């Protein structure tokens, strides 16, 4: 999940601090969620808030941590996921 959240956050030109503020968590917690070496996944409610703010489907951010995301830039949910 961390790679997908970071990917979409960067795609939206959003800082960690901005996303953390919008989803009502502190930046260090978001950093831990995005860190692939730390196993912290958001609960369902937080995952939904993240997806809503990033304007993606929740399935776009709830993926295996070892993924590469290829986007065709057609908008929400327009991505393909492939294993690393």
PDB file of N, CA and C in Angstrom:
ATOM      1  N   UNK A   1       0.821  -1.192   0.000  1.00  0.00           N
ATOM      2  CA  UNK A   1       0.000   0.000   0.000  1.00  0.00           C
ATOM      3  C   UNK A   1       0.864   1.254   0.000  1.00  0.00           C
ATOM      4  N   UNK A   2       1.992   1.207   0.679  1.00  0.00           N
ATOM      5  CA  UNK A   2       2.800   2.407   0.823  1.00  0.00           C
ATOM      6  C   UNK A   2       3.259   2.970  -0.516  1.00  0.00           C
ATOM      7  N   UNK A   3       3.696   2.089  -1.423  1.00  0.00           N
ATOM      8  CA  UNK A   3       4.144   2.573  -2.729  1.00  0.00           C
ATOM      9  C   UNK A   3       3.012   3.244  -3.482  1.00  0.00           C
ATOM     10  N   UNK A   4       1.823   2.717  -3.385  1.00  0.00           N
ATOM     11  CA  UNK A   4       0.689   3.282  -4.106  1.00  0.00           C
ATOM     12  C   UNK A   4       0.289   4.640  -3.540  1.00  0.00           C
ATOM     13  N   UNK A   5       0.245   4.770  -2.226  1.00  0.00           N
ATOM     14  CA  UNK A   5      -0.113   6.060  -1.623  1.00  0.00           C
ATOM     15  C   UNK A   5       0.916   7.112  -1.993  1.00  0.00           C
ATOM     16  N   UNK A   6       2.177   6.783  -1.848  1.00  0.00           N
ATOM     17  CA  UNK A   6       3.243   7.731  -2.190  1.00  0.00           C
ATOM     18  C   UNK A   6       3.179   8.094  -3.674  1.00  0.00           C
ATOM     19  N   UNK A   7       2.967   7.085  -4.520  1.00  0.00           N
ATOM     20  CA  UNK A   7       2.876   7.331  -5.954  1.00  0.00           C
ATOM     21  C   UNK A   7       1.773   8.345  -6.265  1.00  0.00           C
ATOM     22  N   UNK A   8       0.560   8.090  -5.772  1.00  0.00           N
ATOM     23  CA  UNK A   8      -0.565   8.969  -6.085  1.00  0.00           C
ATOM     24  C   UNK A   8      -0.410  10.339  -5.428  1.00  0.00           C
ATOM     25  N   UNK A   9       0.174  10.390  -4.239  1.00  0.00           N
ATOM     26  CA  UNK A   9       0.414  11.673  -3.591  1.00  0.00           C
ATOM     27  C   UNK A   9       1.373  12.520  -4.424  1.00  0.00           C
ATOM     28  N   UNK A  10       2.454  11.898  -4.874  1.00  0.00           N
ATOM     29  CA  UNK A  10       3.412  12.610  -5.721  1.00  0.00           C
ATOM     30  C   UNK A  10       2.791  12.998  -7.059  1.00  0.00           C
ATOM     31  N   UNK A  11       1.972  12.111  -7.605  1.00  0.00           N
ATOM     32  CA  UNK A  11       1.291  12.389  -8.879  1.00  0.00           C
ATOM     33  C   UNK A  11       0.412  13.625  -8.763  1.00  0.00           C
ATOM     34  N   UNK A  12      -0.150  13.854  -7.593  1.00  0.00           N
ATOM     35  CA  UNK A  12      -1.019  15.012  -7.347  1.00  0.00           C
ATOM     36  C   UNK A  12      -0.230  16.221  -6.847  1.00  0.00           C
ATOM     37  N   UNK A  13       1.115  16.114  -6.882  1.00  0.00           N
ATOM     38  CA  UNK A  13       1.996  17.202  -6.418  1.00  0.00           C
ATOM     39  C   UNK A  13       1.632  17.657  -5.005  1.00  0.00           C
ATOM     40  N   UNK A  14       1.432  16.668  -4.130  1.00  0.00           N
ATOM     41  CA  UNK A  14       1.018  16.958  -2.771  1.00  0.00           C
ATOM     42  C   UNK A  14       2.119  16.528  -1.800  1.00  0.00           C
ATOM     43  N   UNK A  15       2.434  17.387  -0.872  1.00  0.00           N
ATOM     44  CA  UNK A  15       3.434  17.049   0.140  1.00  0.00           C
ATOM     45  C   UNK A  15       2.835  16.081   1.168  1.00  0.00           C
ATOM     46  N   UNK A  16       3.720  15.412   1.884  1.00  0.00           N
ATOM     47  CA  UNK A  16       3.246  14.554   2.969  1.00  0.00           C
ATOM     48  C   UNK A  16       2.468  15.368   3.987  1.00  0.00           C
ATOM     49  N   UNK A  17       2.970  16.558   4.310  1.00  0.00           N
ATOM     50  CA  UNK A  17       2.312  17.388   5.307  1.00  0.00           C
ATOM     51  C   UNK A  17       0.903  17.768   4.867  1.00  0.00           C
ATOM     52  N   UNK A  18       0.734  18.134   3.604  1.00  0.00           N
ATOM     53  CA  UNK A  18      -0.579  18.530   3.093  1.00  0.00           C
ATOM     54  C   UNK A  18      -1.565  17.362   3.180  1.00  0.00           C
ATOM     55  N   UNK A  19      -1.140  16.177   2.710  1.00  0.00           N
ATOM     56  CA  UNK A  19      -2.029  15.014   2.773  1.00  0.00           C
ATOM     57  C   UNK A  19      -2.337  14.667   4.222  1.00  0.00           C
ATOM     58  N   UNK A  20      -1.323  14.689   5.076  1.00  0.00           N
ATOM     59  CA  UNK A  20      -1.543  14.377   6.490  1.00  0.00           C
ATOM     60  C   UNK A  20      -2.568  15.332   7.100  1.00  0.00           C
ATOM     61  N   UNK A  21      -2.457  16.614   6.787  1.00  0.00           N
ATOM     62  CA  UNK A  21      -3.417  17.593   7.302  1.00  0.00           C
ATOM     63  C   UNK A  21      -4.827  17.297   6.792  1.00  0.00           C
ATOM     64  N   UNK A  22      -4.933  16.960   5.509  1.00  0.00           N
ATOM     65  CA  UNK A  22      -6.245  16.721   4.908  1.00  0.00           C
ATOM     66  C   UNK A  22      -6.928  15.457   5.444  1.00  0.00           C
ATOM     67  N   UNK A  23      -6.131  14.464   5.834  1.00  0.00           N
ATOM     68  CA  UNK A  23      -6.715  13.219   6.342  1.00  0.00           C
ATOM     69  C   UNK A  23      -6.688  13.165   7.873  1.00  0.00           C
ATOM     70  N   UNK A  24      -6.241  14.257   8.489  1.00  0.00           N
ATOM     71  CA  UNK A  24      -6.281  14.428   9.934  1.00  0.00           C
ATOM     72  C   UNK A  24      -5.407  13.429  10.699  1.00  0.00           C
ATOM     73  N   UNK A  25      -4.168  13.259  10.213  1.00  0.00           N
ATOM     74  CA  UNK A  25      -3.159  12.509  10.951  1.00  0.00           C
ATOM     75  C   UNK A  25      -1.888  13.347  10.942  1.00  0.00           C
ATOM     76  N   UNK A  26      -0.910  12.980  11.772  1.00  0.00           N
ATOM     77  CA  UNK A  26       0.331  13.753  11.749  1.00  0.00           C
ATOM     78  C   UNK A  26       1.255  13.240  10.639  1.00  0.00           C
ATOM     79  N   UNK A  27       2.170  14.098  10.202  1.00  0.00           N
ATOM     80  CA  UNK A  27       3.049  13.759   9.094  1.00  0.00           C
ATOM     81  C   UNK A  27       3.928  12.541   9.389  1.00  0.00           C
ATOM     82  N   UNK A  28       4.488  12.405  10.615  1.00  0.00           N
ATOM     83  CA  UNK A  28       5.284  11.206  10.886  1.00  0.00           C
ATOM     84  C   UNK A  28       4.497   9.896  10.714  1.00  0.00           C
ATOM     85  N   UNK A  29       3.210   9.912  11.051  1.00  0.00           N
ATOM     86  CA  UNK A  29       2.391   8.708  10.861  1.00  0.00           C
ATOM     87  C   UNK A  29       2.239   8.407   9.378  1.00  0.00           C
ATOM     88  N   UNK A  30       1.978   9.427   8.564  1.00  0.00           N
ATOM     89  CA  UNK A  30       1.876   9.210   7.123  1.00  0.00           C
ATOM     90  C   UNK A  30       3.202   8.713   6.567  1.00  0.00           C
ATOM     91  N   UNK A  31       4.291   9.262   7.053  1.00  0.00           N
ATOM     92  CA  UNK A  31       5.609   8.814   6.609  1.00  0.00           C
ATOM     93  C   UNK A  31       5.801   7.322   6.893  1.00  0.00           C
ATOM     94  N   UNK A  32       5.358   6.872   8.063  1.00  0.00           N
ATOM     95  CA  UNK A  32       5.467   5.451   8.409  1.00  0.00           C
ATOM     96  C   UNK A  32       4.572   4.602   7.508  1.00  0.00           C
ATOM     97  N   UNK A  33       3.382   5.101   7.187  1.00  0.00           N
ATOM     98  CA  UNK A  33       2.482   4.366   6.298  1.00  0.00           C
ATOM     99  C   UNK A  33       3.117   4.224   4.911  1.00  0.00           C
ATOM    100  N   UNK A  34       3.788   5.281   4.449  1.00  0.00           N
ATOM    101  CA  UNK A  34       4.406   5.259   3.117  1.00  0.00           C
ATOM    102  C   UNK A  34       5.734   4.512   3.076  1.00  0.00           C
ATOM    103  N   UNK A  35       6.334   4.252   4.217  1.00  0.00           N
ATOM    104  CA  UNK A  35       7.638   3.594   4.268  1.00  0.00           C
ATOM    105  C   UNK A  35       7.480   2.089   4.060  1.00  0.00           C
ATOM    106  N   UNK A  36       8.044   1.559   2.961  1.00  0.00           N
ATOM    107  CA  UNK A  36       7.883   0.123   2.686  1.00  0.00           C
ATOM    108  C   UNK A  36       8.603  -0.780   3.686  1.00  0.00           C
ATOM    109  N   UNK A  37       9.499  -0.219   4.496  1.00  0.00           N
ATOM    110  CA  UNK A  37      10.227  -1.016   5.485  1.00  0.00           C
ATOM    111  C   UNK A  37       9.509  -1.094   6.829  1.00  0.00           C
ATOM    112  N   UNK A  38       8.403  -0.352   6.950  1.00  0.00           N
ATOM    113  CA  UNK A  38       7.614  -0.370   8.184  1.00  0.00           C
ATOM    114  C   UNK A  38       6.216  -0.880   7.834  1.00  0.00           C
ATOM    115  N   UNK A  39       5.768  -1.869   8.561  1.00  0.00           N
ATOM    116  CA  UNK A  39       4.483  -2.489   8.237  1.00  0.00           C
ATOM    117  C   UNK A  39       3.332  -1.822   8.985  1.00  0.00           C
ATOM    118  N   UNK A  40       2.907  -0.657   8.485  1.00  0.00           N
ATOM    119  CA  UNK A  40       1.746   0.029   9.053  1.00  0.00           C
ATOM    120  C   UNK A  40       0.778   0.304   7.908  1.00  0.00           C
ATOM    121  N   UNK A  41      -0.393  -0.272   7.981  1.00  0.00           N
ATOM    122  CA  UNK A  41      -1.419  -0.025   6.971  1.00  0.00           C
ATOM    123  C   UNK A  41      -2.562   0.740   7.616  1.00  0.00           C
ATOM    124  N   UNK A  42      -3.144   1.692   6.892  1.00  0.00           N
ATOM    125  CA  UNK A  42      -4.278   2.433   7.449  1.00  0.00           C
ATOM    126  C   UNK A  42      -5.510   1.538   7.563  1.00  0.00           C
ATOM    127  N   UNK A  43      -6.385   1.872   8.512  1.00  0.00           N
ATOM    128  CA  UNK A  43      -7.639   1.138   8.611  1.00  0.00           C
ATOM    129  C   UNK A  43      -8.534   1.528   7.432  1.00  0.00           C
ATOM    130  N   UNK A  44      -9.682   0.879   7.320  1.00  0.00           N
ATOM    131  CA  UNK A  44     -10.569   1.112   6.172  1.00  0.00           C
ATOM    132  C   UNK A  44     -10.995   2.570   6.045  1.00  0.00           C
ATOM    133  N   UNK A  45     -11.359   3.176   7.163  1.00  0.00           N
ATOM    134  CA  UNK A  45     -11.813   4.572   7.134  1.00  0.00           C
ATOM    135  C   UNK A  45     -10.716   5.502   6.632  1.00  0.00           C
ATOM    136  N   UNK A  46      -9.496   5.311   7.130  1.00  0.00           N
ATOM    137  CA  UNK A  46      -8.381   6.148   6.699  1.00  0.00           C
ATOM    138  C   UNK A  46      -8.045   5.899   5.231  1.00  0.00           C
ATOM    139  N   UNK A  47      -8.079   4.643   4.810  1.00  0.00           N
ATOM    140  CA  UNK A  47      -7.823   4.321   3.403  1.00  0.00           C
ATOM    141  C   UNK A  47      -8.843   5.007   2.492  1.00  0.00           C
ATOM    142  N   UNK A  48     -10.099   5.025   2.920  1.00  0.00           N
ATOM    143  CA  UNK A  48     -11.135   5.712   2.136  1.00  0.00           C
ATOM    144  C   UNK A  48     -10.886   7.212   2.072  1.00  0.00           C
ATOM    145  N   UNK A  49     -10.477   7.812   3.208  1.00  0.00           N
ATOM    146  CA  UNK A  49     -10.180   9.246   3.209  1.00  0.00           C
ATOM    147  C   UNK A  49      -8.999   9.562   2.295  1.00  0.00           C
ATOM    148  N   UNK A  50      -7.960   8.735   2.349  1.00  0.00           N
ATOM    149  CA  UNK A  50      -6.789   8.941   1.492  1.00  0.00           C
ATOM    150  C   UNK A  50      -7.198   8.861   0.027  1.00  0.00           C
ATOM    151  N   UNK A  51      -7.955   7.833  -0.332  1.00  0.00           N
ATOM    152  CA  UNK A  51      -8.393   7.662  -1.722  1.00  0.00           C
ATOM    153  C   UNK A  51      -9.225   8.856  -2.180  1.00  0.00           C
ATOM    154  N   UNK A  52     -10.123   9.311  -1.326  1.00  0.00           N
ATOM    155  CA  UNK A  52     -10.984  10.451  -1.678  1.00  0.00           C
ATOM    156  C   UNK A  52     -10.147  11.704  -1.933  1.00  0.00           C
ATOM    157  N   UNK A  53      -9.192  11.982  -1.058  1.00  0.00           N
ATOM    158  CA  UNK A  53      -8.346  13.169  -1.199  1.00  0.00           C
ATOM    159  C   UNK A  53      -7.467  13.065  -2.436  1.00  0.00           C
ATOM    160  N   UNK A  54      -6.943  11.884  -2.709  1.00  0.00           N
ATOM    161  CA  UNK A  54      -6.056  11.705  -3.874  1.00  0.00           C
ATOM    162  C   UNK A  54      -6.838  11.512  -5.169  1.00  0.00           C
ATOM    163  N   UNK A  55      -8.168  11.415  -5.056  1.00  0.00           N
ATOM    164  CA  UNK A  55      -9.045  11.256  -6.218  1.00  0.00           C
ATOM    165  C   UNK A  55      -8.709   9.988  -7.005  1.00  0.00           C
ATOM    166  N   UNK A  56      -8.602   8.897  -6.256  1.00  0.00           N
ATOM    167  CA  UNK A  56      -8.389   7.577  -6.842  1.00  0.00           C
ATOM    168  C   UNK A  56      -9.362   6.600  -6.197  1.00  0.00           C
ATOM    169  N   UNK A  57      -9.494   5.441  -6.784  1.00  0.00           N
ATOM    170  CA  UNK A  57     -10.291   4.385  -6.170  1.00  0.00           C
ATOM    171  C   UNK A  57      -9.519   3.814  -4.995  1.00  0.00           C
ATOM    172  N   UNK A  58     -10.221   3.396  -3.975  1.00  0.00           N
ATOM    173  CA  UNK A  58      -9.535   2.824  -2.824  1.00  0.00           C
ATOM    174  C   UNK A  58      -8.731   1.593  -3.250  1.00  0.00           C
ATOM    175  N   UNK A  59      -9.196   0.883  -4.258  1.00  0.00           N
ATOM    176  CA  UNK A  59      -8.444  -0.278  -4.754  1.00  0.00           C
ATOM    177  C   UNK A  59      -7.115   0.138  -5.389  1.00  0.00           C
ATOM    178  N   UNK A  60      -7.004   1.403  -5.799  1.00  0.00           N
ATOM    179  CA  UNK A  60      -5.737   1.890  -6.349  1.00  0.00           C
ATOM    180  C   UNK A  60      -4.677   2.074  -5.274  1.00  0.00           C
ATOM    181  N   UNK A  61      -5.098   2.240  -4.025  1.00  0.00           N
ATOM    182  CA  UNK A  61      -4.111   2.413  -2.956  1.00  0.00           C
ATOM    183  C   UNK A  61      -3.977   1.187  -2.065  1.00  0.00           C
ATOM    184  N   UNK A  62      -4.957   0.299  -2.098  1.00  0.00           N
ATOM    185  CA  UNK A  62      -4.862  -0.923  -1.293  1.00  0.00           C
ATOM    186  C   UNK A  62      -4.332  -2.039  -2.186  1.00  0.00           C
ATOM    187  N   UNK A  63      -3.063  -2.046  -2.319  1.00  0.00           N
ATOM    188  CA  UNK A  63      -2.384  -3.039  -3.153  1.00  0.00           C
ATOM    189  C   UNK A  63      -1.212  -3.586  -2.364  1.00  0.00           C
ATOM    190  N   UNK A  64      -0.654  -4.672  -2.853  1.00  0.00           N
ATOM    191  CA  UNK A  64       0.544  -5.238  -2.264  1.00  0.00           C
ATOM    192  C   UNK A  64       1.643  -4.182  -2.249  1.00  0.00           C
ATOM    193  N   UNK A  65       2.451  -4.171  -1.210  1.00  0.00           N
ATOM    194  CA  UNK A  65       3.502  -3.163  -1.092  1.00  0.00           C
ATOM    195  C   UNK A  65       4.587  -3.299  -2.151  1.00  0.00           C
ATOM    196  N   UNK A  66       4.728  -4.452  -2.753  1.00  0.00           N
ATOM    197  CA  UNK A  66       5.762  -4.661  -3.765  1.00  0.00           C
ATOM    198  C   UNK A  66       5.174  -4.536  -5.160  1.00  0.00           C
ATOM    199  N   UNK A  67       4.772  -3.328  -5.511  1.00  0.00           N
ATOM    200  CA  UNK A  67       4.148  -3.095  -6.804  1.00  0.00           C
ATOM    201  C   UNK A  67       4.822  -1.965  -7.542  1.00  0.00           C
ATOM    202  N   UNK A  68       4.624  -1.966  -8.822  1.00  0.00           N
ATOM    203  CA  UNK A  68       4.987  -0.846  -9.668  1.00  0.00           C
ATOM    204  C   UNK A  68       3.693  -0.382 -10.300  1.00  0.00           C
ATOM    205  N   UNK A  69       3.439   0.910 -10.273  1.00  0.00           N
ATOM    206  CA  UNK A  69       2.198   1.438 -10.826  1.00  0.00           C
ATOM    207  C   UNK A  69       2.491   2.132 -12.140  1.00  0.00           C
ATOM    208  N   UNK A  70       1.739   1.772 -13.169  1.00  0.00           N
ATOM    209  CA  UNK A  70       1.856   2.402 -14.474  1.00  0.00           C
ATOM    210  C   UNK A  70       0.552   3.131 -14.738  1.00  0.00           C
ATOM    211  N   UNK A  71       0.628   4.439 -14.873  1.00  0.00           N
ATOM    212  CA  UNK A  71      -0.591   5.217 -15.079  1.00  0.00           C
ATOM    213  C   UNK A  71      -0.653   5.699 -16.521  1.00  0.00           C
ATOM    214  N   UNK A  72      -1.874   5.690 -17.072  1.00  0.00           N
ATOM    215  CA  UNK A  72      -2.034   6.232 -18.418  1.00  0.00           C
ATOM    216  C   UNK A  72      -2.636   7.628 -18.369  1.00  0.00           C
ATOM    217  N   UNK A  73      -2.717   8.191 -17.146  1.00  0.00           N
ATOM    218  CA  UNK A  73      -3.168   9.571 -16.938  1.00  0.00           C
ATOM    219  C   UNK A  73      -4.564   9.859 -17.458  1.00  0.00           C
ATOM    220  N   UNK A  74      -5.426   8.867 -17.503  1.00  0.00           N
ATOM    221  CA  UNK A  74      -6.796   9.123 -17.949  1.00  0.00           C
ATOM    222  C   UNK A  74      -7.700   9.524 -16.806  1.00  0.00           C
ATOM    223  N   UNK A  75      -7.162   9.547 -15.594  1.00  0.00           N
ATOM    224  CA  UNK A  75      -7.989   9.993 -14.473  1.00  0.00           C
ATOM    225  C   UNK A  75      -8.123   8.956 -13.399  1.00  0.00           C
ATOM    226  N   UNK A  76      -9.142   9.099 -12.590  1.00  0.00           N
ATOM    227  CA  UNK A  76      -9.357   8.257 -11.427  1.00  0.00           C
ATOM    228  C   UNK A  76      -9.424   6.791 -11.814  1.00  0.00           C
ATOM    229  N   UNK A  77      -8.606   6.008 -11.148  1.00  0.00           N
ATOM    230  CA  UNK A  77      -8.629   4.569 -11.345  1.00  0.00           C
ATOM    231  C   UNK A  77      -8.021   4.116 -12.669  1.00  0.00           C
ATOM    232  N   UNK A  78      -7.440   5.020 -13.411  1.00  0.00           N
ATOM    233  CA  UNK A  78      -6.872   4.657 -14.706  1.00  0.00           C
ATOM    234  C   UNK A  78      -5.418   4.263 -14.541  1.00  0.00           C
ATOM    235  N   UNK A  79      -5.213   3.150 -13.889  1.00  0.00           N
ATOM    236  CA  UNK A  79      -3.838   2.678 -13.692  1.00  0.00           C
ATOM    237  C   UNK A  79      -3.815   1.169 -13.801  1.00  0.00           C
ATOM    238  N   UNK A  80      -2.656   0.659 -14.085  1.00  0.00           N
ATOM    239  CA  UNK A  80      -2.486  -0.786 -14.079  1.00  0.00           C
ATOM    240  C   UNK A  80      -1.437  -1.106 -13.043  1.00  0.00           C
ATOM    241  N   UNK A  81      -1.573  -2.214 -12.392  1.00  0.00           N
ATOM    242  CA  UNK A  81      -0.669  -2.624 -11.337  1.00  0.00           C
ATOM    243  C   UNK A  81       0.020  -3.895 -11.799  1.00  0.00           C
ATOM    244  N   UNK A  82       1.335  -3.918 -11.651  1.00  0.00           N
ATOM    245  CA  UNK A  82       2.069  -5.122 -11.994  1.00  0.00           C
ATOM    246  C   UNK A  82       3.086  -5.409 -10.907  1.00  0.00           C
ATOM    247  N   UNK A  83       3.362  -6.675 -10.640  1.00  0.00           N
ATOM    248  CA  UNK A  83       4.329  -7.035  -9.601  1.00  0.00           C
ATOM    249  C   UNK A  83       5.721  -6.556  -9.964  1.00  0.00           C
ATOM    250  N   UNK A  84       6.506  -6.234  -8.943  1.00  0.00           N
ATOM    251  CA  UNK A  84       7.912  -5.857  -9.171  1.00  0.00           C
ATOM    252  C   UNK A  84       8.709  -7.083  -9.515  1.00  0.00           C
TER     253      UNK A  84
END
